[in-house]
Protein backbone atom coordinates (compact mmCIF):
# COMPACT_ATOMS: atom_id res chain seq x y z
CA MET A 1 37.88 -0.75 9.79
CA PRO A 2 34.41 0.90 10.13
CA HIS A 3 32.94 1.47 13.59
CA ASP A 4 29.41 2.44 14.70
CA ILE A 5 27.78 2.65 11.27
CA GLU A 6 24.46 4.43 11.68
CA PRO A 7 21.39 2.33 10.81
CA ARG A 8 20.10 5.33 8.85
CA LEU A 9 22.99 4.93 6.40
CA LEU A 10 22.32 1.22 6.01
CA ARG A 11 18.63 1.94 5.43
CA ALA A 12 19.51 4.47 2.74
CA PHE A 13 21.83 1.96 1.09
CA THR A 14 19.21 -0.83 1.22
CA VAL A 15 16.45 1.26 -0.35
CA VAL A 16 18.73 2.47 -3.16
CA ALA A 17 19.84 -1.14 -3.73
CA GLU A 18 16.19 -2.21 -4.01
CA GLU A 19 15.15 0.62 -6.30
CA LEU A 20 18.41 1.10 -8.27
CA HIS A 21 17.16 4.64 -8.72
CA PHE A 22 18.05 7.54 -6.41
CA SER A 23 14.88 9.59 -7.00
CA ARG A 24 12.54 6.71 -6.25
CA ALA A 25 14.60 5.74 -3.21
CA ALA A 26 14.46 9.32 -1.90
CA GLU A 27 10.65 9.29 -2.27
CA ARG A 28 10.39 6.05 -0.28
CA LEU A 29 12.60 7.46 2.46
CA TYR A 30 10.91 10.88 2.48
CA VAL A 31 14.24 12.69 2.09
CA ALA A 32 15.73 14.95 -0.54
CA GLN A 33 17.75 13.21 -3.22
CA GLN A 34 20.77 15.36 -2.38
CA ALA A 35 20.62 14.24 1.27
CA LEU A 36 20.32 10.61 0.19
CA SER A 37 23.38 10.92 -2.05
CA ARG A 38 25.33 12.41 0.85
CA ASP A 39 24.41 9.47 3.07
CA ILE A 40 25.53 6.96 0.44
CA ARG A 41 28.86 8.76 -0.03
CA ARG A 42 29.36 8.83 3.74
CA LEU A 43 28.69 5.09 4.01
CA GLU A 44 31.12 4.42 1.17
CA ARG A 45 33.79 6.47 2.97
CA GLU A 46 33.21 4.64 6.25
CA LEU A 47 33.44 1.25 4.57
CA GLY A 48 36.25 2.24 2.24
CA ALA A 49 34.38 0.72 -0.71
CA ALA A 50 32.31 1.90 -3.67
CA LEU A 51 28.81 0.45 -3.37
CA PHE A 52 27.18 1.68 -6.58
CA LEU A 53 28.16 2.27 -10.18
CA ARG A 54 26.35 5.44 -11.22
CA THR A 55 25.91 6.79 -14.72
CA THR A 56 23.44 9.29 -16.15
CA ARG A 57 21.19 6.40 -17.20
CA ARG A 58 21.45 3.67 -14.59
CA VAL A 59 22.51 2.67 -11.10
CA GLU A 60 24.08 -0.74 -10.38
CA LEU A 61 25.47 -2.44 -7.31
CA THR A 62 29.19 -3.08 -7.23
CA ALA A 63 30.53 -6.40 -5.99
CA ASP A 64 31.01 -4.79 -2.56
CA GLY A 65 27.45 -3.50 -2.68
CA VAL A 66 26.12 -6.98 -3.41
CA ARG A 67 28.20 -8.32 -0.51
CA LEU A 68 26.93 -5.66 1.90
CA LEU A 69 23.21 -5.98 1.12
CA PRO A 70 22.35 -9.14 3.14
CA TYR A 71 24.34 -7.85 6.14
CA ALA A 72 22.55 -4.48 5.98
CA ARG A 73 19.15 -6.17 5.85
CA ARG A 74 19.94 -8.32 8.88
CA VAL A 75 21.10 -5.30 10.89
CA LEU A 76 17.95 -3.35 10.02
CA GLN A 77 15.71 -6.30 10.82
CA ALA A 78 17.39 -6.69 14.22
CA GLN A 79 16.95 -2.99 14.91
CA GLU A 80 13.24 -3.16 14.05
CA GLU A 81 12.77 -6.16 16.32
CA LEU A 82 14.63 -4.42 19.14
CA THR A 83 12.48 -1.31 18.79
CA ALA A 84 9.29 -3.37 18.69
CA ALA A 85 10.30 -5.32 21.79
CA PHE A 86 10.57 -2.15 23.88
CA VAL A 87 7.21 -0.72 22.85
CA ALA A 88 5.41 -4.02 23.34
CA ASP A 89 3.86 -2.96 26.66
CA GLY A 90 1.13 -1.06 24.84
CA GLY A 91 1.93 2.12 26.71
CA ARG A 92 1.77 4.17 23.53
CA PRO A 93 -1.04 4.53 21.00
CA LEU A 94 -1.01 2.20 18.00
CA LEU A 95 -1.13 4.30 14.81
CA VAL A 96 -3.50 2.68 12.32
CA ASP A 97 -3.86 3.86 8.74
CA VAL A 98 -7.39 3.05 7.57
CA ARG A 99 -6.93 5.03 4.31
CA ALA A 100 -10.52 6.38 4.25
CA GLN A 101 -13.67 6.50 6.36
CA ALA A 102 -15.40 4.11 3.95
CA GLY A 103 -13.55 0.82 3.78
CA SER A 104 -12.66 -2.45 5.42
CA GLY A 105 -9.79 -0.96 7.43
CA ASN A 106 -12.08 1.47 9.20
CA GLN A 107 -14.56 -1.34 9.97
CA VAL A 108 -11.77 -3.44 11.48
CA LEU A 109 -10.59 -0.45 13.54
CA GLY A 110 -14.11 0.18 14.84
CA GLU A 111 -14.58 -3.46 15.86
CA ALA A 112 -11.16 -3.52 17.59
CA ARG A 113 -11.99 -0.36 19.53
CA ARG A 114 -15.25 -1.90 20.75
CA ALA A 115 -13.51 -5.10 21.84
CA ALA A 116 -10.48 -3.40 23.46
CA PRO A 117 -11.67 0.00 24.74
CA ASP A 118 -8.64 0.45 27.02
CA THR A 119 -6.17 0.20 24.13
CA GLU A 120 -5.60 3.44 22.24
CA LEU A 121 -5.93 2.87 18.50
CA THR A 122 -5.34 6.16 16.69
CA ALA A 123 -6.49 6.50 13.09
CA ARG A 124 -4.46 7.90 10.23
CA PHE A 125 -5.64 8.50 6.66
CA HIS A 126 -2.99 7.84 4.03
CA ASN A 127 -4.31 7.32 0.52
CA GLY A 128 -2.35 4.26 -0.55
CA LEU A 129 -0.51 1.27 0.86
CA THR A 130 2.69 1.95 -1.11
CA GLY A 131 3.03 5.31 0.63
CA ALA A 132 1.94 4.00 4.02
CA VAL A 133 4.56 1.25 3.98
CA GLY A 134 7.34 3.83 3.87
CA GLU A 135 5.88 5.33 7.05
CA ILE A 136 5.63 1.89 8.68
CA LEU A 137 9.23 0.97 7.94
CA ALA A 138 10.38 4.37 9.20
CA GLY A 139 8.52 3.81 12.49
CA ARG A 140 6.04 6.67 11.96
CA LEU A 141 3.06 4.35 11.46
CA ASP A 142 2.21 0.89 12.79
CA VAL A 143 -0.54 -0.69 10.69
CA SER A 144 -2.16 -0.14 7.31
CA PHE A 145 -4.51 -1.92 4.90
CA GLY A 146 -4.28 -2.58 1.17
CA ARG A 147 -3.07 -4.76 -1.67
CA VAL A 148 0.24 -6.35 -0.72
CA ALA A 149 0.82 -7.95 -4.14
CA GLY A 150 1.81 -4.54 -5.48
CA LEU A 151 4.77 -4.25 -3.08
CA ALA A 152 8.34 -5.21 -3.94
CA PRO A 153 9.36 -8.60 -2.46
CA ALA A 154 12.24 -7.00 -0.56
CA VAL A 155 9.79 -4.60 1.09
CA LEU A 156 7.21 -7.30 1.80
CA SER A 157 9.85 -9.40 3.56
CA ARG A 158 10.12 -6.68 6.23
CA LEU A 159 6.39 -6.69 6.95
CA GLY A 160 3.84 -8.88 8.62
CA HIS A 161 0.61 -9.22 6.66
CA ARG A 162 -2.67 -11.13 6.79
CA PRO A 163 -5.57 -11.25 4.28
CA VAL A 164 -8.64 -9.41 5.57
CA ARG A 165 -11.17 -9.17 2.77
CA TYR A 166 -11.83 -9.65 -0.92
CA GLU A 167 -13.56 -6.38 -1.79
CA PRO A 168 -15.65 -6.60 -5.00
CA MET A 169 -14.62 -3.87 -7.39
CA ALA A 170 -16.97 -1.24 -8.76
CA VAL A 171 -17.10 1.75 -11.06
CA LEU A 172 -18.15 5.23 -9.93
CA LEU A 173 -20.04 6.93 -12.76
CA PRO A 174 -21.54 10.38 -13.29
CA ASP A 175 -25.27 9.90 -12.75
CA ASP A 176 -26.02 10.80 -16.37
CA HIS A 177 -23.47 8.35 -17.82
CA PRO A 178 -25.06 5.86 -20.29
CA LEU A 179 -24.13 2.96 -17.98
CA ALA A 180 -25.46 4.59 -14.81
CA PRO A 181 -29.01 3.08 -15.09
CA LEU A 182 -27.58 -0.47 -14.92
CA PRO A 183 -27.73 -2.14 -11.46
CA ALA A 184 -24.30 -3.69 -12.22
CA VAL A 185 -21.83 -3.07 -15.04
CA PRO A 186 -20.34 -6.00 -16.98
CA LEU A 187 -16.67 -5.39 -17.65
CA ALA A 188 -17.24 -5.79 -21.38
CA ARG A 189 -19.52 -2.72 -21.32
CA LEU A 190 -16.54 -0.58 -20.25
CA ALA A 191 -14.64 -1.28 -23.49
CA GLY A 192 -13.63 2.07 -24.98
CA GLU A 193 -13.90 3.84 -21.62
CA THR A 194 -11.03 5.56 -19.76
CA LEU A 195 -11.18 5.18 -15.97
CA TYR A 196 -9.36 7.10 -13.29
CA ALA A 197 -7.25 4.68 -11.22
CA ALA A 198 -4.92 7.06 -9.32
CA ALA A 199 -2.17 7.00 -11.95
CA GLY A 200 0.39 9.65 -11.10
CA ASN A 201 0.14 9.14 -7.34
CA PRO A 202 3.21 7.16 -6.18
CA SER A 203 1.52 6.37 -2.87
CA THR A 204 -1.18 4.31 -4.59
CA ALA A 205 0.96 2.47 -7.13
CA GLU A 206 -0.49 -0.89 -6.02
CA TRP A 207 -4.00 0.24 -7.06
CA THR A 208 -2.93 1.57 -10.46
CA ASP A 209 -1.11 -1.70 -11.08
CA LEU A 210 -4.24 -3.68 -10.21
CA ALA A 211 -6.28 -1.55 -12.62
CA ALA A 212 -3.79 -2.10 -15.43
CA ARG A 213 -3.96 -5.87 -14.90
CA LEU A 214 -7.76 -5.85 -14.86
CA PHE A 215 -8.08 -3.67 -17.97
CA ALA A 216 -5.46 -5.53 -20.05
CA GLY A 217 -7.03 -7.09 -23.15
CA ARG A 218 -10.46 -5.63 -22.39
CA GLY A 219 -10.18 -2.36 -24.31
CA ILE A 220 -10.33 -0.27 -21.13
CA GLU A 221 -7.76 2.47 -20.52
CA VAL A 222 -6.25 3.87 -17.34
CA ALA A 223 -6.62 7.66 -17.27
CA ALA A 224 -3.45 9.70 -17.74
CA PRO A 225 -1.42 10.48 -14.61
CA PHE A 226 -2.85 13.25 -12.44
CA PRO A 227 -1.18 14.88 -9.43
CA SER A 228 -1.79 13.18 -6.10
CA ILE A 229 -5.24 13.98 -4.68
CA GLU A 230 -5.27 14.59 -0.94
CA GLY A 231 -8.50 14.13 1.02
CA GLU A 232 -12.02 12.96 0.22
CA GLU A 233 -13.40 16.46 -0.30
CA GLU A 234 -10.80 17.26 -2.95
CA PHE A 235 -11.40 13.91 -4.65
CA VAL A 236 -15.15 14.59 -4.82
CA ARG A 237 -14.54 18.08 -6.23
CA LEU A 238 -12.22 16.82 -8.96
CA MET A 239 -14.39 13.85 -9.86
CA ARG A 240 -17.42 16.12 -10.31
CA LYS A 241 -15.43 18.72 -12.25
CA HIS A 242 -13.75 16.27 -14.65
CA ARG A 243 -16.66 13.80 -14.76
CA TRP A 244 -14.30 10.85 -14.49
CA PRO A 245 -15.52 7.27 -14.32
CA VAL A 246 -13.48 5.95 -11.38
CA LEU A 247 -12.33 2.42 -10.63
CA ALA A 248 -13.30 1.75 -7.02
CA THR A 249 -14.55 -0.99 -4.72
CA THR A 250 -18.02 -1.41 -3.33
CA GLN A 251 -16.59 0.04 -0.09
CA PHE A 252 -16.36 3.64 -1.30
CA VAL A 253 -17.28 7.21 -0.39
CA THR A 254 -20.60 8.71 -1.48
CA VAL A 255 -20.12 11.26 -4.24
CA PRO A 256 -23.00 13.67 -4.98
CA GLY A 257 -23.98 13.49 -8.64
CA ALA A 258 -22.44 10.04 -9.10
CA VAL A 259 -23.53 6.41 -8.71
CA LEU A 260 -21.49 3.40 -7.63
CA ARG A 261 -22.09 0.24 -9.65
CA PRO A 262 -20.53 -3.19 -8.96
CA LEU A 263 -18.55 -4.79 -11.78
CA THR A 264 -19.48 -8.23 -13.08
CA ASP A 265 -18.64 -10.90 -15.67
CA PRO A 266 -16.25 -11.63 -14.00
CA VAL A 267 -16.50 -10.08 -10.54
CA PRO A 268 -13.07 -8.47 -10.04
CA LEU A 269 -11.76 -8.50 -6.47
CA ALA A 270 -9.32 -6.29 -4.60
CA ALA A 271 -7.47 -8.42 -2.04
CA VAL A 272 -7.16 -6.26 1.09
CA SER A 273 -4.61 -7.29 3.71
CA MET A 274 -3.63 -5.85 7.05
CA VAL A 275 0.06 -4.89 7.10
CA TRP A 276 2.41 -4.11 9.99
CA ARG A 277 6.12 -3.83 10.69
CA ALA A 278 7.76 -7.24 11.18
CA GLY A 279 8.48 -7.86 14.85
CA LEU A 280 5.84 -5.41 16.11
CA ARG A 281 4.27 -6.45 19.41
CA HIS A 282 1.39 -4.42 20.81
CA PRO A 283 -1.98 -5.33 22.32
CA GLY A 284 -3.59 -3.07 19.74
CA LEU A 285 -2.19 -5.22 16.95
CA ASP A 286 -3.66 -8.31 18.60
CA ALA A 287 -7.01 -6.53 18.90
CA LEU A 288 -6.97 -5.60 15.22
CA LEU A 289 -6.10 -9.14 14.10
CA ASP A 290 -8.86 -10.59 16.26
CA ALA A 291 -11.35 -8.01 14.97
CA ALA A 292 -10.44 -8.73 11.35
CA ALA A 293 -10.91 -12.47 11.92
CA ARG A 294 -14.34 -11.95 13.53
CA LEU A 295 -15.58 -9.66 10.77
CA ALA A 296 -14.25 -11.97 8.05
CA ALA A 297 -16.02 -14.96 9.58
CA ALA A 298 -19.30 -13.11 10.15
CA GLY A 299 -19.39 -11.47 6.71
CA ASN A 300 -17.71 -14.14 4.57
CA TRP A 301 -15.07 -11.55 3.73
CA LEU A 302 -12.57 -14.16 2.60
CA VAL A 303 -14.98 -16.27 0.55
CA ARG A 304 -14.54 -15.71 -3.18
CA PRO A 305 -17.74 -15.52 -5.20
CA PRO A 306 -18.07 -17.91 -8.18
CA GLY A 307 -16.52 -16.58 -11.36
CA SER A 308 -14.45 -13.95 -9.58
CA TRP A 309 -11.14 -12.53 -10.80
CA LEU A 310 -7.85 -12.00 -8.96
CA PRO A 311 -4.36 -11.60 -10.45
CA PRO A 312 -2.20 -14.72 -9.92
CA GLU A 313 0.19 -12.96 -7.54
CA ASP A 314 -2.74 -11.83 -5.35
CA GLU A 315 -4.02 -15.43 -5.23
CA ARG A 316 -0.57 -16.66 -4.20
CA LEU A 317 -0.13 -14.13 -1.38
CA ALA A 318 -3.68 -14.71 -0.15
CA GLY A 319 -3.11 -18.46 -0.09
CA VAL A 320 -6.13 -19.26 -2.25
């Protein structure tokens, strides 16, 4: 009979069970695939049961694996709640991923700092919610912002989230692009264009998915995968070098030699939510939620313009 099974082993098992792919699971856990395989074998030895059927082409749960999964999730949820309960006094900084200096997350952080100056809210700058969520669930990050509809349901169930803003989407164009003189760009005018939408960066998979949904049936292509771009300076350098049109939102960095134009007909929206680890209690989290609510009310952040576009799953999660 197994005794004292480490939560780390259960977390490894749960992520592999959700992904059914060892490489993707290792990326989510920020571990080497070899180390992840060792953890799964160790858990199987401790339980005396095979949990996965593995071939060169696919990974499947065994009957014992299916039986273990709900128990593992409950144990991990209880551990997260226990950890959150003992850091709820606010004695440590709250780590807040705002993704970039230009954006709704950074505005919410600034408002929360003004309203709660005695609470330490420390900024982090990940470049995608998919990647940030792995840090949140591992306890290395507390809060992030982004599109929750791109997350797997099993991951979303372990998070708290609240809609913050519908950001109108835009296109960043080289200043000599034929569409650059327009004050706004109708989506139909992008037919035949190829736009960079962070394909190839696993940390921003939710954004690439949103782009694919927006472009479908409109004759617009997502640019081929490119290695992950780290930092605003490097993004600006590559955009200027490759002269990419870039799918963005109206909350975006200034790029020399490029112009940002809102998209219209329809107005596509990126539903930005605030996301945190389920069970987290911290005065900084309360300050952020209050700040987001104030900014949304003052700026009509959660009011959809007429004729706007959102994917159905984004509408469902936003409650609109």
